[in-house]
C-alpha atoms as a PDB file:
ATOM      1  CA  MET A   1      59.578  64.951  52.513  1.00  0.00           C
ATOM      2  CA  LEU A   2      58.936  67.634  49.897  1.00  0.00           C
ATOM      3  CA  ILE A   3      58.536  65.034  47.139  1.00  0.00           C
ATOM      4  CA  THR A   4      56.112  62.960  49.223  1.00  0.00           C
ATOM      5  CA  LEU A   5      54.054  66.074  49.942  1.00  0.00           C
ATOM      6  CA  LYS A   6      54.081  66.919  46.248  1.00  0.00           C
ATOM      7  CA  MET A   7      52.786  63.478  45.313  1.00  0.00           C
ATOM      8  CA  ILE A   8      49.954  63.752  47.830  1.00  0.00           C
ATOM      9  CA  LEU A   9      49.019  67.231  46.634  1.00  0.00           C
ATOM     10  CA  ARG A  10      49.117  66.068  43.011  1.00  0.00           C
ATOM     11  CA  THR A  11      46.541  63.400  43.779  1.00  0.00           C
ATOM     12  CA  LEU A  12      44.286  65.763  45.691  1.00  0.00           C
ATOM     13  CA  ILE A  13      44.318  68.798  43.384  1.00  0.00           C
ATOM     14  CA  LEU A  14      43.941  67.001  40.057  1.00  0.00           C
ATOM     15  CA  PRO A  15      40.860  65.302  38.592  1.00  0.00           C
ATOM     16  CA  PRO A  16      39.104  63.190  39.431  1.00  0.00           C
ATOM     17  CA  ALA A  17      40.015  63.410  43.150  1.00  0.00           C
ATOM     18  CA  ASP A  18      39.602  67.190  43.488  1.00  0.00           C
ATOM     19  CA  LEU A  19      36.210  67.181  41.787  1.00  0.00           C
ATOM     20  CA  LEU A  20      34.999  64.175  43.758  1.00  0.00           C
ATOM     21  CA  LEU A  21      35.989  65.917  46.995  1.00  0.00           C
ATOM     22  CA  LEU A  22      34.201  69.065  45.843  1.00  0.00           C
ATOM     23  CA  ALA A  23      31.111  67.022  44.972  1.00  0.00           C
ATOM     24  CA  ALA A  24      31.196  65.350  48.384  1.00  0.00           C
ATOM     25  CA  LEU A  25      31.437  68.751  50.073  1.00  0.00           C
ATOM     26  CA  GLY A  26      28.516  69.997  47.994  1.00  0.00           C
ATOM     27  CA  LEU A  27      26.441  66.963  48.914  1.00  0.00           C
ATOM     28  CA  TRP A  28      27.206  67.481  52.604  1.00  0.00           C
ATOM     29  CA  LEU A  29      26.294  71.174  52.440  1.00  0.00           C
ATOM     30  CA  SER A  30      23.059  70.378  50.588  1.00  0.00           C
ATOM     31  CA  ARG A  31      21.863  68.526  53.691  1.00  0.00           C
ATOM     32  CA  ARG A  32      22.469  71.423  56.109  1.00  0.00           C
ATOM     33  CA  PRO A  33      19.471  73.197  57.722  1.00  0.00           C
ATOM     34  CA  ALA A  34      20.164  76.699  56.343  1.00  0.00           C
ATOM     35  CA  LEU A  35      18.575  77.388  52.950  1.00  0.00           C
ATOM     36  CA  ARG A  36      21.569  79.368  51.635  1.00  0.00           C
ATOM     37  CA  THR A  37      23.935  76.598  52.670  1.00  0.00           C
ATOM     38  CA  ARG A  38      21.808  73.992  50.913  1.00  0.00           C
ATOM     39  CA  ARG A  39      21.731  76.087  47.755  1.00  0.00           C
ATOM     40  CA  ALA A  40      25.505  76.563  47.867  1.00  0.00           C
ATOM     41  CA  GLY A  41      25.873  72.822  48.300  1.00  0.00           C
ATOM     42  CA  TRP A  42      23.790  72.057  45.229  1.00  0.00           C
ATOM     43  CA  VAL A  43      25.787  74.604  43.227  1.00  0.00           C
ATOM     44  CA  LEU A  44      29.081  73.002  44.281  1.00  0.00           C
ATOM     45  CA  LEU A  45      27.793  69.520  43.530  1.00  0.00           C
ATOM     46  CA  GLY A  46      26.521  70.527  40.096  1.00  0.00           C
ATOM     47  CA  ALA A  47      29.675  72.458  39.229  1.00  0.00           C
ATOM     48  CA  ALA A  48      31.889  69.519  40.223  1.00  0.00           C
ATOM     49  CA  LEU A  49      29.929  67.009  38.149  1.00  0.00           C
ATOM     50  CA  VAL A  50      29.737  69.285  35.105  1.00  0.00           C
ATOM     51  CA  THR A  51      33.467  70.024  35.272  1.00  0.00           C
ATOM     52  CA  LEU A  52      34.248  66.324  35.625  1.00  0.00           C
ATOM     53  CA  TRP A  53      32.125  65.599  32.546  1.00  0.00           C
ATOM     54  CA  LEU A  54      33.863  68.322  30.530  1.00  0.00           C
ATOM     55  CA  LEU A  55      37.387  67.238  31.499  1.00  0.00           C
ATOM     56  CA  ALA A  56      36.520  63.668  30.510  1.00  0.00           C
ATOM     57  CA  THR A  57      35.490  64.686  26.976  1.00  0.00           C
ATOM     58  CA  PRO A  58      38.041  64.328  24.156  1.00  0.00           C
ATOM     59  CA  VAL A  59      37.400  67.860  22.883  1.00  0.00           C
ATOM     60  CA  VAL A  60      38.383  69.466  26.207  1.00  0.00           C
ATOM     61  CA  ALA A  61      41.277  67.059  26.734  1.00  0.00           C
ATOM     62  CA  SER A  62      42.569  67.917  23.265  1.00  0.00           C
ATOM     63  CA  ALA A  63      42.414  71.657  23.973  1.00  0.00           C
ATOM     64  CA  LEU A  64      44.254  71.316  27.294  1.00  0.00           C
ATOM     65  CA  THR A  65      46.879  69.029  25.748  1.00  0.00           C
ATOM     66  CA  ARG A  66      47.560  71.525  22.977  1.00  0.00           C
ATOM     67  CA  LEU A  67      47.929  74.283  25.575  1.00  0.00           C
ATOM     68  CA  ALA A  68      50.396  72.239  27.644  1.00  0.00           C
ATOM     69  CA  GLN A  69      52.617  71.242  24.714  1.00  0.00           C
ATOM     70  CA  ARG A  70      55.027  74.067  23.866  1.00  0.00           C
ATOM     71  CA  CYS A  71      57.799  72.166  22.060  1.00  0.00           C
ATOM     72  CA  PRO A  72      57.635  71.154  18.385  1.00  0.00           C
ATOM     73  CA  PRO A  73      58.789  67.712  17.224  1.00  0.00           C
ATOM     74  CA  LEU A  74      62.505  67.209  16.742  1.00  0.00           C
ATOM     75  CA  ASP A  75      63.564  68.097  13.197  1.00  0.00           C
ATOM     76  CA  LEU A  76      65.549  65.037  12.135  1.00  0.00           C
ATOM     77  CA  SER A  77      66.585  66.658   8.871  1.00  0.00           C
ATOM     78  CA  LYS A  78      69.041  68.787  10.871  1.00  0.00           C
ATOM     79  CA  SER A  79      71.883  67.622  13.084  1.00  0.00           C
ATOM     80  CA  PRO A  80      71.014  68.132  16.772  1.00  0.00           C
ATOM     81  CA  ASN A  81      74.707  68.679  17.524  1.00  0.00           C
ATOM     82  CA  ALA A  82      74.267  66.880  20.850  1.00  0.00           C
ATOM     83  CA  GLN A  83      76.529  64.579  22.837  1.00  0.00           C
ATOM     84  CA  ALA A  84      74.036  62.269  24.541  1.00  0.00           C
ATOM     85  CA  ILE A  85      70.386  61.222  24.697  1.00  0.00           C
ATOM     86  CA  VAL A  86      68.534  61.416  28.022  1.00  0.00           C
ATOM     87  CA  ILE A  87      65.291  59.441  28.399  1.00  0.00           C
ATOM     88  CA  LEU A  88      63.142  60.370  31.374  1.00  0.00           C
ATOM     89  CA  GLY A  89      60.971  58.066  33.462  1.00  0.00           C
ATOM     90  CA  GLY A  90      58.005  59.393  35.388  1.00  0.00           C
ATOM     91  CA  ALA A  91      55.564  56.711  34.240  1.00  0.00           C
ATOM     92  CA  ALA A  92      54.785  53.314  35.701  1.00  0.00           C
ATOM     93  CA  ALA A  93      57.029  50.330  35.076  1.00  0.00           C
ATOM     94  CA  ARG A  94      56.697  46.637  35.870  1.00  0.00           C
ATOM     95  CA  ASP A  95      59.526  45.224  37.943  1.00  0.00           C
ATOM     96  CA  PHE A  96      58.686  41.785  36.550  1.00  0.00           C
ATOM     97  CA  ALA A  97      56.713  40.991  33.389  1.00  0.00           C
ATOM     98  CA  PRO A  98      56.113  37.211  33.094  1.00  0.00           C
ATOM     99  CA  GLU A  99      55.853  37.373  29.315  1.00  0.00           C
ATOM    100  CA  TYR A 100      59.381  38.820  29.133  1.00  0.00           C
ATOM    101  CA  GLY A 101      60.846  37.084  32.133  1.00  0.00           C
ATOM    102  CA  GLY A 102      62.114  40.414  33.466  1.00  0.00           C
ATOM    103  CA  PRO A 103      61.262  44.103  33.915  1.00  0.00           C
ATOM    104  CA  MET A 104      59.226  46.002  31.330  1.00  0.00           C
ATOM    105  CA  VAL A 105      58.144  49.611  30.875  1.00  0.00           C
ATOM    106  CA  SER A 106      54.501  50.692  30.819  1.00  0.00           C
ATOM    107  CA  SER A 107      52.724  51.902  27.698  1.00  0.00           C
ATOM    108  CA  GLU A 108      53.505  55.616  28.200  1.00  0.00           C
ATOM    109  CA  LEU A 109      57.105  54.932  29.142  1.00  0.00           C
ATOM    110  CA  LEU A 110      57.424  52.529  26.222  1.00  0.00           C
ATOM    111  CA  GLU A 111      56.705  55.403  23.853  1.00  0.00           C
ATOM    112  CA  ARG A 112      59.602  57.378  25.333  1.00  0.00           C
ATOM    113  CA  VAL A 113      61.912  54.357  25.251  1.00  0.00           C
ATOM    114  CA  THR A 114      60.953  53.532  21.674  1.00  0.00           C
ATOM    115  CA  TYR A 115      61.665  57.070  20.489  1.00  0.00           C
ATOM    116  CA  GLY A 116      64.880  57.241  22.486  1.00  0.00           C
ATOM    117  CA  ALA A 117      66.034  53.986  20.897  1.00  0.00           C
ATOM    118  CA  PHE A 118      65.118  55.308  17.455  1.00  0.00           C
ATOM    119  CA  LEU A 119      67.192  58.443  18.046  1.00  0.00           C
ATOM    120  CA  ALA A 120      70.100  56.428  19.424  1.00  0.00           C
ATOM    121  CA  GLN A 121      70.128  54.201  16.362  1.00  0.00           C
ATOM    122  CA  ARG A 122      69.823  57.206  14.076  1.00  0.00           C
ATOM    123  CA  THR A 123      72.486  59.385  15.718  1.00  0.00           C
ATOM    124  CA  GLY A 124      74.790  56.846  17.375  1.00  0.00           C
ATOM    125  CA  LEU A 125      74.746  58.905  20.588  1.00  0.00           C
ATOM    126  CA  PRO A 126      75.104  57.258  24.022  1.00  0.00           C
ATOM    127  CA  VAL A 127      71.998  56.974  26.204  1.00  0.00           C
ATOM    128  CA  LEU A 128      71.228  57.930  29.789  1.00  0.00           C
ATOM    129  CA  VAL A 129      68.017  56.781  31.493  1.00  0.00           C
ATOM    130  CA  SER A 130      66.697  58.617  34.530  1.00  0.00           C
ATOM    131  CA  GLY A 131      63.890  57.821  36.959  1.00  0.00           C
ATOM    132  CA  THR A 132      63.143  55.700  39.979  1.00  0.00           C
ATOM    133  CA  ALA A 133      65.074  52.483  40.463  1.00  0.00           C
ATOM    134  CA  GLU A 134      62.185  50.483  39.025  1.00  0.00           C
ATOM    135  CA  GLU A 135      61.789  52.776  36.002  1.00  0.00           C
ATOM    136  CA  ALA A 136      65.505  52.942  35.263  1.00  0.00           C
ATOM    137  CA  LEU A 137      65.878  49.159  35.440  1.00  0.00           C
ATOM    138  CA  ALA A 138      62.870  48.637  33.159  1.00  0.00           C
ATOM    139  CA  MET A 139      64.063  51.258  30.653  1.00  0.00           C
ATOM    140  CA  ARG A 140      67.555  49.804  30.535  1.00  0.00           C
ATOM    141  CA  ALA A 141      66.243  46.262  30.092  1.00  0.00           C
ATOM    142  CA  SER A 142      63.720  47.301  27.425  1.00  0.00           C
ATOM    143  CA  LEU A 143      66.307  49.245  25.434  1.00  0.00           C
ATOM    144  CA  ALA A 144      68.677  46.269  25.380  1.00  0.00           C
ATOM    145  CA  ARG A 145      66.126  43.486  24.896  1.00  0.00           C
ATOM    146  CA  ASN A 146      63.687  45.126  22.482  1.00  0.00           C
ATOM    147  CA  PHE A 147      65.926  47.505  20.524  1.00  0.00           C
ATOM    148  CA  GLY A 148      69.515  46.357  20.978  1.00  0.00           C
ATOM    149  CA  VAL A 149      70.491  49.734  22.456  1.00  0.00           C
ATOM    150  CA  ARG A 150      73.039  49.800  25.267  1.00  0.00           C
ATOM    151  CA  THR A 151      72.501  52.246  28.127  1.00  0.00           C
ATOM    152  CA  ARG A 152      75.708  54.036  29.086  1.00  0.00           C
ATOM    153  CA  TRP A 153      74.493  55.908  32.186  1.00  0.00           C
ATOM    154  CA  VAL A 154      71.765  54.957  34.650  1.00  0.00           C
ATOM    155  CA  ASP A 155      70.203  57.259  37.231  1.00  0.00           C
ATOM    156  CA  GLY A 156      67.828  55.213  39.369  1.00  0.00           C
ATOM    157  CA  LYS A 157      67.448  57.642  42.280  1.00  0.00           C
ATOM    158  CA  SER A 158      65.278  60.403  40.815  1.00  0.00           C
ATOM    159  CA  ARG A 159      61.716  60.868  42.014  1.00  0.00           C
ATOM    160  CA  ASP A 160      60.840  64.054  40.144  1.00  0.00           C
ATOM    161  CA  THR A 161      62.026  66.177  37.210  1.00  0.00           C
ATOM    162  CA  PHE A 162      64.210  68.399  39.377  1.00  0.00           C
ATOM    163  CA  GLN A 163      66.163  65.346  40.529  1.00  0.00           C
ATOM    164  CA  ASP A 164      66.227  63.941  36.978  1.00  0.00           C
ATOM    165  CA  ALA A 165      68.066  67.070  35.884  1.00  0.00           C
ATOM    166  CA  ALA A 166      70.387  67.350  38.895  1.00  0.00           C
ATOM    167  CA  PHE A 167      71.434  63.693  38.967  1.00  0.00           C
ATOM    168  CA  SER A 168      71.792  63.440  35.180  1.00  0.00           C
ATOM    169  CA  ALA A 169      74.033  66.506  35.147  1.00  0.00           C
ATOM    170  CA  ARG A 170      76.242  64.907  37.804  1.00  0.00           C
ATOM    171  CA  LEU A 171      76.711  61.868  35.583  1.00  0.00           C
ATOM    172  CA  LEU A 172      77.223  63.751  32.318  1.00  0.00           C
ATOM    173  CA  ARG A 173      79.341  66.793  33.143  1.00  0.00           C
ATOM    174  CA  PRO A 174      82.420  64.842  34.362  1.00  0.00           C
ATOM    175  CA  GLU A 175      82.524  63.221  30.917  1.00  0.00           C
ATOM    176  CA  GLY A 176      82.330  66.539  29.128  1.00  0.00           C
ATOM    177  CA  VAL A 177      78.690  66.221  28.049  1.00  0.00           C
ATOM    178  CA  THR A 178      77.016  69.627  28.034  1.00  0.00           C
ATOM    179  CA  ARG A 179      74.404  69.335  25.262  1.00  0.00           C
ATOM    180  CA  ILE A 180      71.741  66.617  25.253  1.00  0.00           C
ATOM    181  CA  ILE A 181      68.684  65.399  23.393  1.00  0.00           C
ATOM    182  CA  LEU A 182      65.923  65.178  25.995  1.00  0.00           C
ATOM    183  CA  VAL A 183      63.241  62.549  25.399  1.00  0.00           C
ATOM    184  CA  THR A 184      60.024  62.760  27.384  1.00  0.00           C
ATOM    185  CA  SER A 185      56.295  63.189  26.817  1.00  0.00           C
ATOM    186  CA  ALA A 186      55.305  66.340  24.950  1.00  0.00           C
ATOM    187  CA  ASP A 187      53.221  67.643  27.875  1.00  0.00           C
ATOM    188  CA  HIS A 188      56.258  67.308  30.125  1.00  0.00           C
ATOM    189  CA  GLU A 189      58.962  68.461  27.709  1.00  0.00           C
ATOM    190  CA  TRP A 190      58.854  72.216  28.360  1.00  0.00           C
ATOM    191  CA  ARG A 191      59.092  71.934  32.151  1.00  0.00           C
ATOM    192  CA  ALA A 192      61.810  69.282  31.865  1.00  0.00           C
ATOM    193  CA  MET A 193      63.833  71.537  29.558  1.00  0.00           C
ATOM    194  CA  GLN A 194      63.776  74.337  32.131  1.00  0.00           C
ATOM    195  CA  GLU A 195      64.970  72.006  34.883  1.00  0.00           C
ATOM    196  CA  PHE A 196      67.841  70.624  32.780  1.00  0.00           C
ATOM    197  CA  ALA A 197      68.840  74.120  31.673  1.00  0.00           C
ATOM    198  CA  SER A 198      68.938  75.167  35.346  1.00  0.00           C
ATOM    199  CA  ALA A 199      71.214  72.192  35.987  1.00  0.00           C
ATOM    200  CA  GLY A 200      73.674  73.578  33.435  1.00  0.00           C
ATOM    201  CA  LEU A 201      72.892  71.513  30.343  1.00  0.00           C
ATOM    202  CA  GLU A 202      71.943  72.686  26.863  1.00  0.00           C
ATOM    203  CA  VAL A 203      68.800  70.895  25.738  1.00  0.00           C
ATOM    204  CA  VAL A 204      67.443  69.800  22.365  1.00  0.00           C
ATOM    205  CA  ALA A 205      63.761  68.928  22.802  1.00  0.00           C
ATOM    206  CA  ALA A 206      62.616  65.504  21.570  1.00  0.00           C
ATOM    207  CA  PRO A 207      58.982  65.203  22.703  1.00  0.00           C
ATOM    208  CA  THR A 208      56.813  62.132  22.235  1.00  0.00           C
ATOM    209  CA  ASP A 209      53.031  61.717  22.113  1.00  0.00           C
ATOM    210  CA  LEU A 210      52.521  65.056  20.388  1.00  0.00           C
ATOM    211  CA  TRP A 211      49.102  66.646  19.989  1.00  0.00           C
ATOM    212  CA  VAL A 212      47.201  66.051  16.755  1.00  0.00           C
ATOM    213  CA  PRO A 213      43.770  67.472  15.868  1.00  0.00           C
ATOM    214  CA  LEU A 214      40.697  65.362  16.565  1.00  0.00           C
ATOM    215  CA  ARG A 215      39.629  63.595  13.398  1.00  0.00           C
ATOM    216  CA  ASP A 216      35.936  63.275  14.262  1.00  0.00           C
ATOM    217  CA  ARG A 217      35.414  66.614  16.006  1.00  0.00           C
ATOM    218  CA  PHE A 218      32.160  67.223  14.141  1.00  0.00           C
ATOM    219  CA  SER A 219      30.564  64.020  15.459  1.00  0.00           C
ATOM    220  CA  LEU A 220      29.057  63.364  18.878  1.00  0.00           C
ATOM    221  CA  LEU A 221      31.900  61.185  20.204  1.00  0.00           C
ATOM    222  CA  PRO A 222      34.357  64.006  21.120  1.00  0.00           C
ATOM    223  CA  TYR A 223      31.730  65.403  23.501  1.00  0.00           C
ATOM    224  CA  LEU A 224      31.071  62.153  25.347  1.00  0.00           C
ATOM    225  CA  PRO A 225      33.250  61.422  28.404  1.00  0.00           C
ATOM    226  CA  ASN A 226      35.718  58.558  28.575  1.00  0.00           C
ATOM    227  CA  ALA A 227      38.562  57.515  30.858  1.00  0.00           C
ATOM    228  CA  PRO A 228      41.486  58.188  28.451  1.00  0.00           C
ATOM    229  CA  ALA A 229      40.285  61.756  27.897  1.00  0.00           C
ATOM    230  CA  LEU A 230      40.072  62.377  31.645  1.00  0.00           C
ATOM    231  CA  TRP A 231      43.615  61.050  32.022  1.00  0.00           C
ATOM    232  CA  ARG A 232      44.892  63.369  29.281  1.00  0.00           C
ATOM    233  CA  SER A 233      43.159  66.357  30.855  1.00  0.00           C
ATOM    234  CA  SER A 234      44.709  65.493  34.209  1.00  0.00           C
ATOM    235  CA  GLU A 235      48.190  65.157  32.723  1.00  0.00           C
ATOM    236  CA  ALA A 236      47.903  68.465  30.871  1.00  0.00           C
ATOM    237  CA  LEU A 237      46.634  70.282  33.970  1.00  0.00           C
ATOM    238  CA  TYR A 238      49.461  68.794  36.018  1.00  0.00           C
ATOM    239  CA  GLU A 239      52.057  70.203  33.639  1.00  0.00           C
ATOM    240  CA  LEU A 240      50.370  73.618  33.432  1.00  0.00           C
ATOM    241  CA  ILE A 241      50.212  73.833  37.227  1.00  0.00           C
ATOM    242  CA  GLY A 242      53.622  72.201  37.603  1.00  0.00           C
ATOM    243  CA  ASN A 243      55.373  74.855  35.551  1.00  0.00           C
ATOM    244  CA  VAL A 244      53.934  77.588  37.776  1.00  0.00           C
ATOM    245  CA  ALA A 245      55.031  75.628  40.848  1.00  0.00           C
ATOM    246  CA  ARG A 246      58.516  75.207  39.347  1.00  0.00           C
ATOM    247  CA  GLU A 247      58.867  78.957  38.954  1.00  0.00           C
ATOM    248  CA  LEU A 248      57.691  79.601  42.513  1.00  0.00           C
ATOM    249  CA  LEU A 249      60.088  77.008  43.930  1.00  0.00           C
ATOM    250  CA  ALA A 250      62.937  78.498  41.900  1.00  0.00           C
ATOM    251  CA  ILE A 251      62.193  81.962  43.289  1.00  0.00           C
ATOM    252  CA  THR A 252      61.992  80.771  46.907  1.00  0.00           C
ATOM    253  CA  HIS A 253      64.914  78.301  46.603  1.00  0.00           C
ATOM    254  CA  LEU A 254      62.837  75.986  48.819  1.00  0.00           C
ATOM    255  CA  ARG A 255      63.428  72.897  46.697  1.00  0.00           C
ATOM    256  CA  ARG A 256      67.199  73.411  46.437  1.00  0.00           C
ATOM    257  CA  GLN A 257      67.422  73.797  50.201  1.00  0.00           C
ATOM    258  CA  SER A 258      65.463  70.551  50.606  1.00  0.00           C
ATOM    259  CA  ALA A 259      67.711  68.794  48.093  1.00  0.00           C
END
């Protein structure tokens, strides 16, 4: 129940849904009889549209992404001294891809799987995949088919990062695994590390899709809105808000009681 509520709230409080709702409220208020109410409506409508424009620009998306990413890239020149690699889901997967004749990960999840496979081949460490049943199946199939990497542990029951950490720890601790390399998107890495540490595992961060400066920031293009930039802004805001929510849930113990 808590996870379902969280998914609904995520949709409603993040762009573009929150700003579209605010714009709709502003439009409704702008048609009310009272002058002050109409003015407030126009202000809300304008603020929503301006904010939506800004969040959809690459320059704002880049700034928010940099703010959300707290973990540096994994230094491969040093031994991570870990016992396993954990690759997290959390992105869409296809339960059947006709071109492969089986399941396949989405583009964002493919980046995590690709990096996880690279680390597995480089270190020789066993791999655990964690996510929903669909994500876990697609990750396992992609690792074997595309990279020749065998998955040793599969958690296909997790629906959020808290469950990723709890269920992964249950699989790893009985086999003496206490220190892991954690592969997930750079925006998500910091929050995921805190959850896995709370579950009793030592974590070596291995983020993917790391922030890089805009190359054409002095041209007009970074200030024009586009869909990928809006998506990046939304993802960064989700992680910034999500970390605050994680701390509040940890203080109240509400999530552990639900689990």
